[in-house]
Amino acid sequence: MELDDAVHTAVLTLKESFEGQMNENNIEIGIVNESGFRRLSPAEVKDYLANIV
């Protein structure tokens, strides 16, 4: 599974059980790879959220 697909699936899963409006300021998404852990910026989260509407 590609990274974009995995993040998209994670956001869809979160959305199913999230109460209220989900936006880039009230969720955090982290990615772990060979380089370590990093949290997506609010702008990156906003882009992923825009793709599921």
PDB file of N, CA and C in Angstrom:
ATOM      1  N   MET A   1       0.850  -1.173   0.000  1.00  0.00           N
ATOM      2  CA  MET A   1       0.000   0.000   0.000  1.00  0.00           C
ATOM      3  C   MET A   1       0.896   1.237   0.000  1.00  0.00           C
ATOM      4  N   GLU A   2       0.594   2.173  -0.857  1.00  0.00           N
ATOM      5  CA  GLU A   2       1.343   3.423  -0.924  1.00  0.00           C
ATOM      6  C   GLU A   2       1.033   4.293   0.294  1.00  0.00           C
ATOM      7  N   LEU A   3       1.957   5.179   0.635  1.00  0.00           N
ATOM      8  CA  LEU A   3       1.795   6.046   1.801  1.00  0.00           C
ATOM      9  C   LEU A   3       0.531   6.892   1.700  1.00  0.00           C
ATOM     10  N   ASP A   4       0.288   7.505   0.552  1.00  0.00           N
ATOM     11  CA  ASP A   4      -0.912   8.334   0.389  1.00  0.00           C
ATOM     12  C   ASP A   4      -2.185   7.526   0.605  1.00  0.00           C
ATOM     13  N   ASP A   5      -2.208   6.302   0.098  1.00  0.00           N
ATOM     14  CA  ASP A   5      -3.375   5.436   0.283  1.00  0.00           C
ATOM     15  C   ASP A   5      -3.558   5.069   1.747  1.00  0.00           C
ATOM     16  N   ALA A   6      -2.454   4.808   2.438  1.00  0.00           N
ATOM     17  CA  ALA A   6      -2.527   4.448   3.854  1.00  0.00           C
ATOM     18  C   ALA A   6      -3.046   5.611   4.693  1.00  0.00           C
ATOM     19  N   VAL A   7      -2.563   6.815   4.426  1.00  0.00           N
ATOM     20  CA  VAL A   7      -3.036   7.985   5.170  1.00  0.00           C
ATOM     21  C   VAL A   7      -4.502   8.242   4.852  1.00  0.00           C
ATOM     22  N   HIS A   8      -4.879   8.117   3.599  1.00  0.00           N
ATOM     23  CA  HIS A   8      -6.274   8.306   3.195  1.00  0.00           C
ATOM     24  C   HIS A   8      -7.180   7.317   3.932  1.00  0.00           C
ATOM     25  N   THR A   9      -6.773   6.059   4.001  1.00  0.00           N
ATOM     26  CA  THR A   9      -7.547   5.040   4.705  1.00  0.00           C
ATOM     27  C   THR A   9      -7.644   5.357   6.190  1.00  0.00           C
ATOM     28  N   ALA A  10      -6.556   5.813   6.784  1.00  0.00           N
ATOM     29  CA  ALA A  10      -6.562   6.175   8.203  1.00  0.00           C
ATOM     30  C   ALA A  10      -7.515   7.336   8.470  1.00  0.00           C
ATOM     31  N   VAL A  11      -7.513   8.337   7.611  1.00  0.00           N
ATOM     32  CA  VAL A  11      -8.406   9.487   7.777  1.00  0.00           C
ATOM     33  C   VAL A  11      -9.864   9.053   7.636  1.00  0.00           C
ATOM     34  N   LEU A  12     -10.159   8.206   6.674  1.00  0.00           N
ATOM     35  CA  LEU A  12     -11.527   7.701   6.515  1.00  0.00           C
ATOM     36  C   LEU A  12     -11.976   6.931   7.749  1.00  0.00           C
ATOM     37  N   THR A  13     -11.090   6.130   8.309  1.00  0.00           N
ATOM     38  CA  THR A  13     -11.411   5.364   9.511  1.00  0.00           C
ATOM     39  C   THR A  13     -11.669   6.287  10.693  1.00  0.00           C
ATOM     40  N   LEU A  14     -10.835   7.296  10.859  1.00  0.00           N
ATOM     41  CA  LEU A  14     -11.054   8.280  11.923  1.00  0.00           C
ATOM     42  C   LEU A  14     -12.391   8.984  11.755  1.00  0.00           C
ATOM     43  N   LYS A  15     -12.705   9.348  10.532  1.00  0.00           N
ATOM     44  CA  LYS A  15     -13.925  10.104  10.255  1.00  0.00           C
ATOM     45  C   LYS A  15     -15.179   9.323  10.650  1.00  0.00           C
ATOM     46  N   GLU A  16     -15.145   7.996  10.498  1.00  0.00           N
ATOM     47  CA  GLU A  16     -16.305   7.172  10.823  1.00  0.00           C
ATOM     48  C   GLU A  16     -16.724   7.289  12.279  1.00  0.00           C
ATOM     49  N   SER A  17     -15.763   7.449  13.182  1.00  0.00           N
ATOM     50  CA  SER A  17     -16.098   7.483  14.603  1.00  0.00           C
ATOM     51  C   SER A  17     -15.885   8.848  15.245  1.00  0.00           C
ATOM     52  N   PHE A  18     -15.528   9.840  14.462  1.00  0.00           N
ATOM     53  CA  PHE A  18     -15.239  11.173  14.990  1.00  0.00           C
ATOM     54  C   PHE A  18     -16.534  11.934  15.194  1.00  0.00           C
ATOM     55  N   GLU A  19     -16.692  12.511  16.383  1.00  0.00           N
ATOM     56  CA  GLU A  19     -17.872  13.329  16.653  1.00  0.00           C
ATOM     57  C   GLU A  19     -17.510  14.793  16.442  1.00  0.00           C
ATOM     58  N   GLY A  20     -18.324  15.502  15.695  1.00  0.00           N
ATOM     59  CA  GLY A  20     -18.057  16.907  15.414  1.00  0.00           C
ATOM     60  C   GLY A  20     -17.307  17.082  14.112  1.00  0.00           C
ATOM     61  N   GLN A  21     -16.864  18.300  13.890  1.00  0.00           N
ATOM     62  CA  GLN A  21     -16.148  18.646  12.664  1.00  0.00           C
ATOM     63  C   GLN A  21     -14.682  18.247  12.782  1.00  0.00           C
ATOM     64  N   MET A  22     -14.199  17.477  11.848  1.00  0.00           N
ATOM     65  CA  MET A  22     -12.800  17.076  11.830  1.00  0.00           C
ATOM     66  C   MET A  22     -12.044  18.049  10.937  1.00  0.00           C
ATOM     67  N   ASN A  23     -10.994  18.672  11.487  1.00  0.00           N
ATOM     68  CA  ASN A  23     -10.190  19.595  10.689  1.00  0.00           C
ATOM     69  C   ASN A  23      -8.717  19.450  11.063  1.00  0.00           C
ATOM     70  N   GLU A  24      -7.884  20.210  10.388  1.00  0.00           N
ATOM     71  CA  GLU A  24      -6.437  20.100  10.582  1.00  0.00           C
ATOM     72  C   GLU A  24      -5.979  20.538  11.963  1.00  0.00           C
ATOM     73  N   ASN A  25      -6.855  21.202  12.714  1.00  0.00           N
ATOM     74  CA  ASN A  25      -6.473  21.686  14.040  1.00  0.00           C
ATOM     75  C   ASN A  25      -6.882  20.757  15.177  1.00  0.00           C
ATOM     76  N   ASN A  26      -7.711  19.754  14.892  1.00  0.00           N
ATOM     77  CA  ASN A  26      -8.135  18.888  15.990  1.00  0.00           C
ATOM     78  C   ASN A  26      -7.794  17.410  15.794  1.00  0.00           C
ATOM     79  N   ILE A  27      -6.992  17.090  14.780  1.00  0.00           N
ATOM     80  CA  ILE A  27      -6.452  15.733  14.645  1.00  0.00           C
ATOM     81  C   ILE A  27      -4.966  15.829  14.316  1.00  0.00           C
ATOM     82  N   GLU A  28      -4.247  14.779  14.658  1.00  0.00           N
ATOM     83  CA  GLU A  28      -2.837  14.676  14.303  1.00  0.00           C
ATOM     84  C   GLU A  28      -2.621  13.334  13.617  1.00  0.00           C
ATOM     85  N   ILE A  29      -1.768  13.331  12.625  1.00  0.00           N
ATOM     86  CA  ILE A  29      -1.435  12.101  11.907  1.00  0.00           C
ATOM     87  C   ILE A  29       0.081  11.970  11.904  1.00  0.00           C
ATOM     88  N   GLY A  30       0.555  10.815  12.347  1.00  0.00           N
ATOM     89  CA  GLY A  30       1.985  10.550  12.370  1.00  0.00           C
ATOM     90  C   GLY A  30       2.345   9.472  11.369  1.00  0.00           C
ATOM     91  N   ILE A  31       3.549   9.553  10.857  1.00  0.00           N
ATOM     92  CA  ILE A  31       4.057   8.579   9.894  1.00  0.00           C
ATOM     93  C   ILE A  31       5.377   8.031  10.426  1.00  0.00           C
ATOM     94  N   VAL A  32       5.496   6.715  10.396  1.00  0.00           N
ATOM     95  CA  VAL A  32       6.725   6.051  10.825  1.00  0.00           C
ATOM     96  C   VAL A  32       7.322   5.336   9.620  1.00  0.00           C
ATOM     97  N   ASN A  33       8.616   5.558   9.400  1.00  0.00           N
ATOM     98  CA  ASN A  33       9.324   4.846   8.335  1.00  0.00           C
ATOM     99  C   ASN A  33      10.753   4.570   8.788  1.00  0.00           C
ATOM    100  N   GLU A  34      11.618   4.192   7.872  1.00  0.00           N
ATOM    101  CA  GLU A  34      13.001   3.868   8.222  1.00  0.00           C
ATOM    102  C   GLU A  34      13.720   5.047   8.873  1.00  0.00           C
ATOM    103  N   SER A  35      13.324   6.255   8.531  1.00  0.00           N
ATOM    104  CA  SER A  35      13.969   7.457   9.062  1.00  0.00           C
ATOM    105  C   SER A  35      13.481   7.822  10.450  1.00  0.00           C
ATOM    106  N   GLY A  36      12.390   7.221  10.883  1.00  0.00           N
ATOM    107  CA  GLY A  36      11.845   7.529  12.201  1.00  0.00           C
ATOM    108  C   GLY A  36      10.401   7.984  12.112  1.00  0.00           C
ATOM    109  N   PHE A  37      10.010   8.795  13.076  1.00  0.00           N
ATOM    110  CA  PHE A  37       8.629   9.256  13.204  1.00  0.00           C
ATOM    111  C   PHE A  37       8.539  10.729  12.842  1.00  0.00           C
ATOM    112  N   ARG A  38       7.466  11.089  12.153  1.00  0.00           N
ATOM    113  CA  ARG A  38       7.202  12.511  11.916  1.00  0.00           C
ATOM    114  C   ARG A  38       5.701  12.741  11.922  1.00  0.00           C
ATOM    115  N   ARG A  39       5.318  13.897  12.385  1.00  0.00           N
ATOM    116  CA  ARG A  39       3.912  14.282  12.404  1.00  0.00           C
ATOM    117  C   ARG A  39       3.641  15.159  11.190  1.00  0.00           C
ATOM    118  N   LEU A  40       2.520  14.902  10.528  1.00  0.00           N
ATOM    119  CA  LEU A  40       2.148  15.739   9.391  1.00  0.00           C
ATOM    120  C   LEU A  40       1.828  17.145   9.875  1.00  0.00           C
ATOM    121  N   SER A  41       2.175  18.122   9.067  1.00  0.00           N
ATOM    122  CA  SER A  41       1.853  19.512   9.398  1.00  0.00           C
ATOM    123  C   SER A  41       0.347  19.721   9.244  1.00  0.00           C
ATOM    124  N   PRO A  42      -0.197  20.750   9.889  1.00  0.00           N
ATOM    125  CA  PRO A  42      -1.623  21.039   9.702  1.00  0.00           C
ATOM    126  C   PRO A  42      -1.997  21.227   8.230  1.00  0.00           C
ATOM    127  N   ALA A  43      -1.119  21.812   7.437  1.00  0.00           N
ATOM    128  CA  ALA A  43      -1.404  21.998   6.006  1.00  0.00           C
ATOM    129  C   ALA A  43      -1.504  20.651   5.290  1.00  0.00           C
ATOM    130  N   GLU A  44      -0.627  19.705   5.646  1.00  0.00           N
ATOM    131  CA  GLU A  44      -0.689  18.375   5.031  1.00  0.00           C
ATOM    132  C   GLU A  44      -1.971  17.652   5.434  1.00  0.00           C
ATOM    133  N   VAL A  45      -2.343  17.763   6.714  1.00  0.00           N
ATOM    134  CA  VAL A  45      -3.587  17.144   7.190  1.00  0.00           C
ATOM    135  C   VAL A  45      -4.774  17.750   6.454  1.00  0.00           C
ATOM    136  N   LYS A  46      -4.757  19.068   6.283  1.00  0.00           N
ATOM    137  CA  LYS A  46      -5.844  19.753   5.576  1.00  0.00           C
ATOM    138  C   LYS A  46      -5.977  19.231   4.146  1.00  0.00           C
ATOM    139  N   ASP A  47      -4.860  18.996   3.477  1.00  0.00           N
ATOM    140  CA  ASP A  47      -4.889  18.454   2.115  1.00  0.00           C
ATOM    141  C   ASP A  47      -5.532  17.071   2.080  1.00  0.00           C
ATOM    142  N   TYR A  48      -5.159  16.216   3.031  1.00  0.00           N
ATOM    143  CA  TYR A  48      -5.766  14.877   3.078  1.00  0.00           C
ATOM    144  C   TYR A  48      -7.256  14.972   3.365  1.00  0.00           C
ATOM    145  N   LEU A  49      -7.648  15.855   4.270  1.00  0.00           N
ATOM    146  CA  LEU A  49      -9.069  16.015   4.582  1.00  0.00           C
ATOM    147  C   LEU A  49      -9.844  16.526   3.374  1.00  0.00           C
ATOM    148  N   ALA A  50      -9.240  17.406   2.609  1.00  0.00           N
ATOM    149  CA  ALA A  50      -9.910  17.950   1.422  1.00  0.00           C
ATOM    150  C   ALA A  50     -10.175  16.857   0.387  1.00  0.00           C
ATOM    151  N   ASN A  51      -9.346  15.836   0.377  1.00  0.00           N
ATOM    152  CA  ASN A  51      -9.500  14.752  -0.599  1.00  0.00           C
ATOM    153  C   ASN A  51     -10.572  13.743  -0.228  1.00  0.00           C
ATOM    154  N   ILE A  52     -11.107  13.800   0.988  1.00  0.00           N
ATOM    155  CA  ILE A  52     -12.137  12.834   1.374  1.00  0.00           C
ATOM    156  C   ILE A  52     -13.534  13.424   1.380  1.00  0.00           C
ATOM    157  N   VAL A  53     -13.648  14.699   1.099  1.00  0.00           N
ATOM    158  CA  VAL A  53     -14.972  15.340   1.111  1.00  0.00           C
ATOM    159  C   VAL A  53     -15.728  15.016  -0.142  1.00  0.00           C
TER     160      VAL A  53
END
